[in-house]
Structures are given as C-alpha cells and as structure tokens.
C-alpha cells in the first residue's frame, strides 16, 4: 500500500495535478523543508501550488527505502530548470502522508 502511495505521488507531480497531490495528504499533515514549513490544508495547498508552477520533473529515483509507515527517497529532479538531487521522507497515517521532509541540492 505504501509503495502505491509513493507511485501516486510521483504520478501527481508528473501530471502537475494539484488536486491529486493534495488528496495524498492527511488532514493533520505537515511538510517541512529547511526554508519553509507548511501545516494544514490551506498552507499545503499554497505550498504545492507554488511548487507545481516550478514544473518539477523526476528524472530518476536513485534510492528508495520503505519501512513500515515511512518512505525515504533520493531522486534526481529538474525544478525550475535546475537539476537537483532531492532527498525526503514521507511518514504515513491512515494511508495518507502525515509528515514530509524534503531537501534538494544542486547537481
């Protein structure tokens, strides 16, 4: 089930589908980056609306570790035309993303 959630996440990003992306998140979700924290539905909507405007594209999943309710990943991505190595975690609750961390470093 958790692998399916990750695949749906990748599909929603690839399609630029904000509603599909938001449907993945628990009502008590928090998204944490070093430069920003988004809590709750309104902040997460604004966060991902801005993120999708940067036209993120996943080129390759370099590493993926799934343990119980947690996904840890490393992906090569293009965001706003810049290639980055992205790292993050997704912690689930009730089959939805409850906590997410994300960071990206230029390649």
N, C-alpha and C. Protein backbone atom coordinates (compact mmCIF):
# COMPACT_ATOMS: atom_id res chain seq x y z
N UNK A 1 0.82 -1.20 0.00
CA UNK A 1 0.00 0.00 0.00
C UNK A 1 0.86 1.27 0.00
N UNK A 2 1.92 1.27 0.80
CA UNK A 2 2.77 2.46 0.89
C UNK A 2 3.52 2.71 -0.42
N UNK A 3 3.92 1.63 -1.11
CA UNK A 3 4.56 1.81 -2.41
C UNK A 3 3.58 2.42 -3.42
N UNK A 4 2.31 2.05 -3.34
CA UNK A 4 1.30 2.64 -4.22
C UNK A 4 1.14 4.12 -3.95
N UNK A 5 1.20 4.52 -2.70
CA UNK A 5 1.11 5.93 -2.34
C UNK A 5 2.27 6.69 -2.97
N UNK A 6 3.46 6.14 -2.90
CA UNK A 6 4.63 6.79 -3.50
C UNK A 6 4.47 6.92 -5.01
N UNK A 7 3.96 5.87 -5.66
CA UNK A 7 3.73 5.92 -7.11
C UNK A 7 2.68 6.98 -7.46
N UNK A 8 1.62 7.07 -6.67
CA UNK A 8 0.60 8.10 -6.91
C UNK A 8 1.20 9.49 -6.74
N UNK A 9 2.10 9.64 -5.78
CA UNK A 9 2.77 10.92 -5.55
C UNK A 9 3.58 11.32 -6.79
N UNK A 10 4.36 10.37 -7.29
CA UNK A 10 5.16 10.64 -8.49
C UNK A 10 4.28 10.97 -9.69
N UNK A 11 3.18 10.23 -9.85
CA UNK A 11 2.26 10.48 -10.97
C UNK A 11 1.64 11.87 -10.87
N UNK A 12 1.21 12.26 -9.68
CA UNK A 12 0.59 13.58 -9.50
C UNK A 12 1.58 14.70 -9.82
N UNK A 13 2.83 14.52 -9.42
CA UNK A 13 3.85 15.52 -9.72
C UNK A 13 4.10 15.57 -11.23
N UNK A 14 4.23 14.41 -11.85
CA UNK A 14 4.48 14.34 -13.30
C UNK A 14 3.36 14.99 -14.10
N UNK A 15 2.13 14.82 -13.62
CA UNK A 15 0.97 15.36 -14.33
C UNK A 15 0.66 16.80 -13.92
N UNK A 16 1.36 17.31 -12.92
CA UNK A 16 1.08 18.66 -12.43
C UNK A 16 -0.33 18.77 -11.87
N UNK A 17 -0.82 17.68 -11.27
CA UNK A 17 -2.20 17.60 -10.79
C UNK A 17 -2.28 17.95 -9.31
N UNK A 18 -2.58 19.21 -9.03
CA UNK A 18 -2.63 19.69 -7.66
C UNK A 18 -3.64 18.93 -6.82
N UNK A 19 -4.82 18.70 -7.34
CA UNK A 19 -5.86 18.02 -6.55
C UNK A 19 -5.47 16.59 -6.22
N UNK A 20 -4.87 15.88 -7.18
CA UNK A 20 -4.41 14.51 -6.92
C UNK A 20 -3.31 14.53 -5.86
N UNK A 21 -2.43 15.50 -5.94
CA UNK A 21 -1.35 15.62 -4.98
C UNK A 21 -1.91 15.89 -3.58
N UNK A 22 -2.83 16.82 -3.48
CA UNK A 22 -3.40 17.17 -2.18
C UNK A 22 -4.19 16.02 -1.57
N UNK A 23 -4.79 15.19 -2.39
CA UNK A 23 -5.57 14.06 -1.87
C UNK A 23 -4.70 13.03 -1.16
N UNK A 24 -3.40 13.12 -1.36
CA UNK A 24 -2.46 12.20 -0.73
C UNK A 24 -2.19 12.56 0.73
N UNK A 25 -2.54 13.79 1.14
CA UNK A 25 -2.13 14.32 2.44
C UNK A 25 -3.23 14.19 3.50
N UNK A 26 -2.81 13.77 4.67
CA UNK A 26 -3.67 13.66 5.84
C UNK A 26 -4.12 15.06 6.25
N UNK A 27 -5.28 15.16 6.89
CA UNK A 27 -5.77 16.48 7.29
C UNK A 27 -4.87 17.16 8.32
N UNK A 28 -4.05 16.39 9.02
CA UNK A 28 -3.11 16.95 10.00
C UNK A 28 -1.67 16.98 9.48
N UNK A 29 -1.51 17.00 8.18
CA UNK A 29 -0.18 16.90 7.57
C UNK A 29 0.67 18.14 7.82
N UNK A 30 1.98 17.89 7.81
CA UNK A 30 2.98 18.94 7.87
C UNK A 30 4.06 18.62 6.85
N UNK A 31 4.44 19.62 6.05
CA UNK A 31 5.54 19.49 5.09
C UNK A 31 6.66 20.39 5.58
N UNK A 32 7.84 19.79 5.75
CA UNK A 32 8.97 20.52 6.33
C UNK A 32 10.12 20.56 5.34
N UNK A 33 10.55 21.77 5.03
CA UNK A 33 11.79 21.99 4.28
C UNK A 33 12.66 22.90 5.12
N UNK A 34 13.92 23.04 4.74
CA UNK A 34 14.80 23.91 5.53
C UNK A 34 14.38 25.37 5.44
N UNK A 35 13.73 25.75 4.34
CA UNK A 35 13.35 27.15 4.13
C UNK A 35 11.88 27.45 4.40
N UNK A 36 11.09 26.40 4.71
CA UNK A 36 9.66 26.63 4.83
C UNK A 36 8.99 25.46 5.51
N UNK A 37 7.92 25.74 6.24
CA UNK A 37 7.08 24.71 6.84
C UNK A 37 5.64 25.02 6.44
N UNK A 38 4.92 24.00 5.98
CA UNK A 38 3.51 24.15 5.64
C UNK A 38 2.71 23.20 6.52
N UNK A 39 1.76 23.78 7.27
CA UNK A 39 0.91 22.99 8.17
C UNK A 39 -0.54 23.15 7.76
N UNK A 40 -1.24 22.04 7.68
CA UNK A 40 -2.67 22.09 7.41
C UNK A 40 -2.98 22.27 5.94
N UNK A 41 -4.24 22.07 5.62
CA UNK A 41 -4.70 22.02 4.23
C UNK A 41 -4.42 23.31 3.45
N UNK A 42 -4.69 24.47 4.02
CA UNK A 42 -4.51 25.72 3.28
C UNK A 42 -3.05 26.00 2.97
N UNK A 43 -2.18 25.83 3.96
CA UNK A 43 -0.76 26.08 3.73
C UNK A 43 -0.16 25.06 2.77
N UNK A 44 -0.59 23.81 2.89
CA UNK A 44 -0.07 22.77 2.00
C UNK A 44 -0.56 23.01 0.57
N UNK A 45 -1.79 23.45 0.40
CA UNK A 45 -2.29 23.79 -0.94
C UNK A 45 -1.45 24.91 -1.55
N UNK A 46 -1.21 25.97 -0.80
CA UNK A 46 -0.41 27.08 -1.32
C UNK A 46 1.02 26.63 -1.63
N UNK A 47 1.58 25.81 -0.76
CA UNK A 47 2.92 25.30 -0.96
C UNK A 47 3.02 24.52 -2.28
N UNK A 48 2.13 23.56 -2.48
CA UNK A 48 2.21 22.72 -3.67
C UNK A 48 1.76 23.45 -4.94
N UNK A 49 0.88 24.43 -4.83
CA UNK A 49 0.52 25.23 -6.00
C UNK A 49 1.76 25.95 -6.51
N UNK A 50 2.53 26.52 -5.60
CA UNK A 50 3.79 27.18 -5.97
C UNK A 50 4.82 26.21 -6.49
N UNK A 51 4.91 25.05 -5.87
CA UNK A 51 5.87 24.02 -6.28
C UNK A 51 5.58 23.55 -7.70
N UNK A 52 4.32 23.29 -8.01
CA UNK A 52 3.98 22.80 -9.35
C UNK A 52 4.22 23.86 -10.42
N UNK A 53 4.16 25.13 -10.06
CA UNK A 53 4.49 26.20 -11.01
C UNK A 53 5.95 26.14 -11.44
N UNK A 54 6.81 25.51 -10.63
CA UNK A 54 8.23 25.37 -10.95
C UNK A 54 8.49 24.19 -11.90
N UNK A 55 7.42 23.52 -12.31
CA UNK A 55 7.47 22.39 -13.25
C UNK A 55 8.47 21.32 -12.82
N UNK A 56 8.28 20.75 -11.62
CA UNK A 56 9.19 19.69 -11.16
C UNK A 56 9.04 18.45 -12.03
N UNK A 57 10.17 17.83 -12.32
CA UNK A 57 10.20 16.59 -13.11
C UNK A 57 11.17 15.62 -12.45
N UNK A 58 10.69 14.43 -12.18
CA UNK A 58 11.54 13.40 -11.61
C UNK A 58 12.21 12.66 -12.76
N UNK A 59 13.54 12.72 -12.80
CA UNK A 59 14.29 12.03 -13.85
C UNK A 59 14.60 10.60 -13.44
N UNK A 60 14.92 10.41 -12.16
CA UNK A 60 15.32 9.07 -11.71
C UNK A 60 15.18 8.97 -10.19
N UNK A 61 14.68 7.84 -9.73
CA UNK A 61 14.70 7.52 -8.31
C UNK A 61 16.01 6.78 -8.08
N UNK A 62 16.93 7.41 -7.36
CA UNK A 62 18.26 6.82 -7.13
C UNK A 62 18.23 5.79 -5.99
N UNK A 63 17.44 6.05 -4.97
CA UNK A 63 17.36 5.14 -3.83
C UNK A 63 15.99 5.29 -3.19
N UNK A 64 15.49 4.17 -2.68
CA UNK A 64 14.19 4.15 -2.03
C UNK A 64 14.24 3.13 -0.91
N UNK A 65 13.86 3.56 0.28
CA UNK A 65 13.79 2.66 1.44
C UNK A 65 12.39 2.80 2.03
N UNK A 66 11.68 1.69 2.13
CA UNK A 66 10.34 1.69 2.70
C UNK A 66 10.37 0.79 3.93
N UNK A 67 10.03 1.36 5.09
CA UNK A 67 9.99 0.62 6.35
C UNK A 67 8.72 1.00 7.08
N UNK A 68 7.87 0.03 7.29
CA UNK A 68 6.60 0.23 8.00
C UNK A 68 5.81 1.38 7.37
N UNK A 69 5.69 2.51 8.08
CA UNK A 69 4.88 3.63 7.60
C UNK A 69 5.73 4.75 7.02
N UNK A 70 7.01 4.48 6.73
CA UNK A 70 7.94 5.52 6.32
C UNK A 70 8.63 5.21 5.00
N UNK A 71 8.69 6.22 4.15
CA UNK A 71 9.41 6.14 2.87
C UNK A 71 10.56 7.15 2.95
N UNK A 72 11.74 6.71 2.58
CA UNK A 72 12.91 7.59 2.49
C UNK A 72 13.42 7.47 1.06
N UNK A 73 13.61 8.60 0.39
CA UNK A 73 13.97 8.54 -1.02
C UNK A 73 15.07 9.53 -1.38
N UNK A 74 15.72 9.23 -2.50
CA UNK A 74 16.66 10.15 -3.15
C UNK A 74 16.31 10.11 -4.62
N UNK A 75 16.08 11.27 -5.21
CA UNK A 75 15.70 11.36 -6.61
C UNK A 75 16.49 12.45 -7.32
N UNK A 76 16.78 12.22 -8.59
CA UNK A 76 17.32 13.28 -9.45
C UNK A 76 16.12 13.95 -10.08
N UNK A 77 16.06 15.27 -9.94
CA UNK A 77 14.91 16.03 -10.43
C UNK A 77 15.37 17.29 -11.15
N UNK A 78 14.47 17.81 -11.95
CA UNK A 78 14.63 19.15 -12.50
C UNK A 78 13.52 20.00 -11.90
N UNK A 79 13.91 21.10 -11.26
CA UNK A 79 12.95 22.01 -10.65
C UNK A 79 13.31 23.41 -11.12
N UNK A 80 12.36 24.07 -11.75
CA UNK A 80 12.57 25.42 -12.30
C UNK A 80 13.78 25.42 -13.24
N UNK A 81 13.95 24.34 -13.98
CA UNK A 81 15.03 24.25 -14.96
C UNK A 81 16.38 23.88 -14.38
N UNK A 82 16.46 23.65 -13.07
CA UNK A 82 17.71 23.30 -12.41
C UNK A 82 17.71 21.84 -11.99
N UNK A 83 18.78 21.12 -12.31
CA UNK A 83 18.87 19.73 -11.91
C UNK A 83 19.36 19.65 -10.47
N UNK A 84 18.65 18.85 -9.66
CA UNK A 84 18.96 18.72 -8.24
C UNK A 84 18.91 17.26 -7.82
N UNK A 85 19.56 16.99 -6.71
CA UNK A 85 19.40 15.72 -6.04
C UNK A 85 18.48 15.99 -4.86
N UNK A 86 17.31 15.38 -4.88
CA UNK A 86 16.29 15.62 -3.86
C UNK A 86 16.27 14.45 -2.87
N UNK A 87 16.15 14.78 -1.60
CA UNK A 87 16.07 13.80 -0.53
C UNK A 87 14.82 14.10 0.28
N UNK A 88 14.15 13.05 0.73
CA UNK A 88 12.99 13.31 1.56
C UNK A 88 12.46 12.08 2.24
N UNK A 89 11.56 12.35 3.17
CA UNK A 89 10.84 11.28 3.85
C UNK A 89 9.35 11.56 3.78
N UNK A 90 8.60 10.50 3.72
CA UNK A 90 7.15 10.56 3.81
C UNK A 90 6.75 9.60 4.92
N UNK A 91 6.07 10.10 5.92
CA UNK A 91 5.55 9.26 7.00
C UNK A 91 4.04 9.26 6.86
N UNK A 92 3.46 8.07 6.86
CA UNK A 92 2.03 7.96 6.60
C UNK A 92 1.23 7.70 7.87
N UNK A 93 -0.01 8.08 7.78
CA UNK A 93 -1.01 7.77 8.80
C UNK A 93 -2.33 7.59 8.05
N UNK A 94 -3.03 6.52 8.31
CA UNK A 94 -4.31 6.24 7.64
C UNK A 94 -4.14 6.22 6.13
N UNK A 95 -3.02 5.68 5.65
CA UNK A 95 -2.72 5.54 4.22
C UNK A 95 -2.61 6.86 3.48
N UNK A 96 -2.28 7.92 4.20
CA UNK A 96 -2.05 9.22 3.59
C UNK A 96 -0.78 9.81 4.19
N UNK A 97 -0.21 10.81 3.53
CA UNK A 97 1.02 11.42 4.02
C UNK A 97 0.69 12.32 5.21
N UNK A 98 1.34 12.03 6.32
CA UNK A 98 1.11 12.75 7.57
C UNK A 98 2.25 13.72 7.85
N UNK A 99 3.48 13.30 7.58
CA UNK A 99 4.66 14.14 7.75
C UNK A 99 5.55 13.96 6.53
N UNK A 100 6.09 15.06 6.04
CA UNK A 100 7.02 15.01 4.90
C UNK A 100 8.17 15.95 5.16
N UNK A 101 9.38 15.48 4.86
CA UNK A 101 10.54 16.35 4.84
C UNK A 101 11.10 16.31 3.43
N UNK A 102 11.69 17.40 3.00
CA UNK A 102 12.27 17.45 1.66
C UNK A 102 13.42 18.45 1.63
N UNK A 103 14.45 18.08 0.88
CA UNK A 103 15.59 18.94 0.67
C UNK A 103 16.17 18.64 -0.68
N UNK A 104 16.75 19.63 -1.31
CA UNK A 104 17.36 19.43 -2.64
C UNK A 104 18.68 20.18 -2.70
N UNK A 105 19.65 19.54 -3.33
CA UNK A 105 20.95 20.17 -3.52
C UNK A 105 21.27 20.14 -5.02
N UNK A 106 21.84 21.22 -5.54
CA UNK A 106 22.18 21.27 -6.97
C UNK A 106 23.18 20.16 -7.35
N UNK A 107 23.03 19.68 -8.55
CA UNK A 107 23.98 18.69 -9.06
C UNK A 107 25.10 19.39 -9.81
